[in-house]
C-alpha atoms as a PDB file:
ATOM      1  CA  UNK A   1      -4.626  15.151  -4.656  1.00  0.00           C
ATOM      2  CA  UNK A   2      -1.767  15.887  -7.011  1.00  0.00           C
ATOM      3  CA  UNK A   3      -2.149  15.030 -10.662  1.00  0.00           C
ATOM      4  CA  UNK A   4      -0.377  11.868 -11.748  1.00  0.00           C
ATOM      5  CA  UNK A   5       0.094  10.349 -15.180  1.00  0.00           C
ATOM      6  CA  UNK A   6      -1.964   7.390 -16.298  1.00  0.00           C
ATOM      7  CA  UNK A   7       1.213   5.306 -16.281  1.00  0.00           C
ATOM      8  CA  UNK A   8       1.925   6.091 -12.610  1.00  0.00           C
ATOM      9  CA  UNK A   9      -1.731   5.525 -11.768  1.00  0.00           C
ATOM     10  CA  UNK A  10      -1.650   2.094 -13.416  1.00  0.00           C
ATOM     11  CA  UNK A  11       1.705   1.120 -11.882  1.00  0.00           C
ATOM     12  CA  UNK A  12       0.551   2.241  -8.432  1.00  0.00           C
ATOM     13  CA  UNK A  13      -2.650   0.213  -8.610  1.00  0.00           C
ATOM     14  CA  UNK A  14      -0.696  -2.852  -9.787  1.00  0.00           C
ATOM     15  CA  UNK A  15       1.907  -2.357  -7.059  1.00  0.00           C
ATOM     16  CA  UNK A  16      -0.701  -2.183  -4.301  1.00  0.00           C
ATOM     17  CA  UNK A  17      -2.553  -5.200  -5.732  1.00  0.00           C
ATOM     18  CA  UNK A  18       0.725  -7.131  -5.767  1.00  0.00           C
ATOM     19  CA  UNK A  19       1.533  -6.064  -2.214  1.00  0.00           C
ATOM     20  CA  UNK A  20      -1.950  -7.093  -1.082  1.00  0.00           C
ATOM     21  CA  UNK A  21      -1.561 -10.513  -2.740  1.00  0.00           C
ATOM     22  CA  UNK A  22       1.848 -11.082  -1.142  1.00  0.00           C
ATOM     23  CA  UNK A  23       0.494 -10.150   2.281  1.00  0.00           C
ATOM     24  CA  UNK A  24      -2.523 -12.427   1.745  1.00  0.00           C
ATOM     25  CA  UNK A  25      -0.223 -15.327   0.879  1.00  0.00           C
ATOM     26  CA  UNK A  26       1.945 -14.571   3.919  1.00  0.00           C
ATOM     27  CA  UNK A  27      -1.181 -14.518   6.100  1.00  0.00           C
ATOM     28  CA  UNK A  28      -2.277 -17.936   4.816  1.00  0.00           C
ATOM     29  CA  UNK A  29       1.210 -19.374   5.291  1.00  0.00           C
ATOM     30  CA  UNK A  30       1.524 -18.021   8.837  1.00  0.00           C
ATOM     31  CA  UNK A  31      -1.963 -19.264   9.724  1.00  0.00           C
ATOM     32  CA  UNK A  32      -1.102 -22.761   8.501  1.00  0.00           C
ATOM     33  CA  UNK A  33       2.070 -22.737  10.625  1.00  0.00           C
ATOM     34  CA  UNK A  34       0.180 -21.491  13.676  1.00  0.00           C
ATOM     35  CA  UNK A  35       2.301 -18.323  13.798  1.00  0.00           C
ATOM     36  CA  UNK A  36       1.198 -14.871  14.899  1.00  0.00           C
ATOM     37  CA  UNK A  37      -0.589 -13.152  12.016  1.00  0.00           C
ATOM     38  CA  UNK A  38      -1.533  -9.820  13.604  1.00  0.00           C
ATOM     39  CA  UNK A  39       1.134  -7.673  11.872  1.00  0.00           C
ATOM     40  CA  UNK A  40       0.568  -9.218   8.445  1.00  0.00           C
ATOM     41  CA  UNK A  41      -3.189  -8.925   8.857  1.00  0.00           C
ATOM     42  CA  UNK A  42      -2.913  -5.270   9.914  1.00  0.00           C
ATOM     43  CA  UNK A  43      -0.702  -4.459   6.930  1.00  0.00           C
ATOM     44  CA  UNK A  44      -2.888  -6.404   4.491  1.00  0.00           C
ATOM     45  CA  UNK A  45      -5.998  -4.554   5.672  1.00  0.00           C
ATOM     46  CA  UNK A  46      -4.246  -1.170   5.403  1.00  0.00           C
ATOM     47  CA  UNK A  47      -3.049  -1.911   1.859  1.00  0.00           C
ATOM     48  CA  UNK A  48      -6.560  -2.997   0.884  1.00  0.00           C
ATOM     49  CA  UNK A  49      -8.079   0.223   2.249  1.00  0.00           C
ATOM     50  CA  UNK A  50      -5.372   2.345   0.592  1.00  0.00           C
ATOM     51  CA  UNK A  51      -5.983   0.569  -2.718  1.00  0.00           C
ATOM     52  CA  UNK A  52      -9.741   1.090  -2.450  1.00  0.00           C
ATOM     53  CA  UNK A  53      -9.178   4.768  -1.625  1.00  0.00           C
ATOM     54  CA  UNK A  54      -6.994   5.266  -4.706  1.00  0.00           C
ATOM     55  CA  UNK A  55      -9.472   3.479  -6.945  1.00  0.00           C
ATOM     56  CA  UNK A  56     -12.326   5.512  -5.482  1.00  0.00           C
ATOM     57  CA  UNK A  57     -10.420   8.736  -6.098  1.00  0.00           C
ATOM     58  CA  UNK A  58      -9.286   7.939  -9.620  1.00  0.00           C
ATOM     59  CA  UNK A  59     -12.187   5.837 -10.892  1.00  0.00           C
ATOM     60  CA  UNK A  60     -15.015   7.356  -8.855  1.00  0.00           C
ATOM     61  CA  UNK A  61     -15.666   4.059  -7.052  1.00  0.00           C
ATOM     62  CA  UNK A  62     -17.467   3.851  -3.718  1.00  0.00           C
ATOM     63  CA  UNK A  63     -15.459   4.220  -0.530  1.00  0.00           C
ATOM     64  CA  UNK A  64     -17.235   3.765   2.799  1.00  0.00           C
ATOM     65  CA  UNK A  65     -14.889   3.682   5.793  1.00  0.00           C
ATOM     66  CA  UNK A  66     -15.107   5.702   8.968  1.00  0.00           C
ATOM     67  CA  UNK A  67     -12.458   8.146  10.173  1.00  0.00           C
ATOM     68  CA  UNK A  68     -10.882   5.765  12.698  1.00  0.00           C
ATOM     69  CA  UNK A  69     -10.301   3.068  10.077  1.00  0.00           C
ATOM     70  CA  UNK A  70      -8.897   5.618   7.613  1.00  0.00           C
ATOM     71  CA  UNK A  71      -6.529   7.024  10.255  1.00  0.00           C
ATOM     72  CA  UNK A  72      -5.319   3.561  11.205  1.00  0.00           C
ATOM     73  CA  UNK A  73      -4.772   2.532   7.573  1.00  0.00           C
ATOM     74  CA  UNK A  74      -2.880   5.755   6.851  1.00  0.00           C
ATOM     75  CA  UNK A  75      -0.606   5.224   9.854  1.00  0.00           C
ATOM     76  CA  UNK A  76       0.132   1.604   8.925  1.00  0.00           C
ATOM     77  CA  UNK A  77       0.911   2.551   5.309  1.00  0.00           C
ATOM     78  CA  UNK A  78       3.242   5.322   6.486  1.00  0.00           C
ATOM     79  CA  UNK A  79       5.021   2.861   8.773  1.00  0.00           C
ATOM     80  CA  UNK A  80       5.951   0.715   5.711  1.00  0.00           C
ATOM     81  CA  UNK A  81       7.842   3.467   3.949  1.00  0.00           C
ATOM     82  CA  UNK A  82      11.086   3.679   6.002  1.00  0.00           C
ATOM     83  CA  UNK A  83      11.848  -0.039   5.681  1.00  0.00           C
ATOM     84  CA  UNK A  84      11.261   0.054   1.926  1.00  0.00           C
ATOM     85  CA  UNK A  85      13.485   3.131   1.618  1.00  0.00           C
ATOM     86  CA  UNK A  86      16.259   1.160   3.359  1.00  0.00           C
ATOM     87  CA  UNK A  87      15.802  -1.689   0.874  1.00  0.00           C
ATOM     88  CA  UNK A  88      16.040   0.783  -2.026  1.00  0.00           C
ATOM     89  CA  UNK A  89      19.271   2.220  -0.639  1.00  0.00           C
ATOM     90  CA  UNK A  90      20.811  -1.284  -0.519  1.00  0.00           C
ATOM     91  CA  UNK A  91      19.589  -2.394  -3.971  1.00  0.00           C
ATOM     92  CA  UNK A  92      21.782  -2.194  -7.039  1.00  0.00           C
ATOM     93  CA  UNK A  93      21.028   0.616  -9.463  1.00  0.00           C
ATOM     94  CA  UNK A  94      18.780  -0.619 -12.263  1.00  0.00           C
ATOM     95  CA  UNK A  95      17.872  -3.862 -10.490  1.00  0.00           C
ATOM     96  CA  UNK A  96      14.333  -5.182 -10.649  1.00  0.00           C
ATOM     97  CA  UNK A  97      14.171  -5.134  -6.837  1.00  0.00           C
ATOM     98  CA  UNK A  98      14.998  -1.423  -6.768  1.00  0.00           C
ATOM     99  CA  UNK A  99      12.397  -0.659  -9.454  1.00  0.00           C
ATOM    100  CA  UNK A 100       9.754  -2.721  -7.652  1.00  0.00           C
ATOM    101  CA  UNK A 101      10.398  -0.966  -4.340  1.00  0.00           C
ATOM    102  CA  UNK A 102      10.458   2.497  -5.947  1.00  0.00           C
ATOM    103  CA  UNK A 103       7.031   1.780  -7.429  1.00  0.00           C
ATOM    104  CA  UNK A 104       5.839   0.459  -4.074  1.00  0.00           C
ATOM    105  CA  UNK A 105       6.983   3.678  -2.319  1.00  0.00           C
ATOM    106  CA  UNK A 106       5.165   5.804  -4.896  1.00  0.00           C
ATOM    107  CA  UNK A 107       2.003   3.720  -4.514  1.00  0.00           C
ATOM    108  CA  UNK A 108       2.104   3.858  -0.702  1.00  0.00           C
ATOM    109  CA  UNK A 109       2.638   7.623  -0.715  1.00  0.00           C
ATOM    110  CA  UNK A 110      -0.251   8.146  -3.139  1.00  0.00           C
ATOM    111  CA  UNK A 111      -2.503   5.863  -1.085  1.00  0.00           C
ATOM    112  CA  UNK A 112      -1.525   7.718   2.092  1.00  0.00           C
ATOM    113  CA  UNK A 113      -2.275  11.055   0.431  1.00  0.00           C
ATOM    114  CA  UNK A 114      -5.620   9.749  -0.786  1.00  0.00           C
ATOM    115  CA  UNK A 115      -6.552   8.644   2.734  1.00  0.00           C
ATOM    116  CA  UNK A 116      -5.414  11.954   4.239  1.00  0.00           C
ATOM    117  CA  UNK A 117      -7.612  13.829   1.778  1.00  0.00           C
ATOM    118  CA  UNK A 118     -10.613  11.891   3.080  1.00  0.00           C
ATOM    119  CA  UNK A 119      -9.969  13.263   6.559  1.00  0.00           C
ATOM    120  CA  UNK A 120     -10.251  16.912   5.516  1.00  0.00           C
END
């Protein structure tokens, strides 16, 4: 895995934790409304696995998932990226939304790379 600064490491962890929390809140809200939760649940699980993989890589934490789960999480995380890139393109330069999404892209790419490295 490529070397990243402590600042990017910290921002990436915080970004993935924030994304996980937002997806968890969306899951609860959709469940209460009786709506379909499968996409939100799939994304929440993938973000959680990606976050655990990054923490395991950087902090030497335990990581115990089989290849199928890692592959699925990697694919789901990669599927997020194009929609976030579109949001970045539409956001005003210097806006908080653009900064947030740029950090989210970095975090997702690092998490994806971390998961891919576990498949080697």
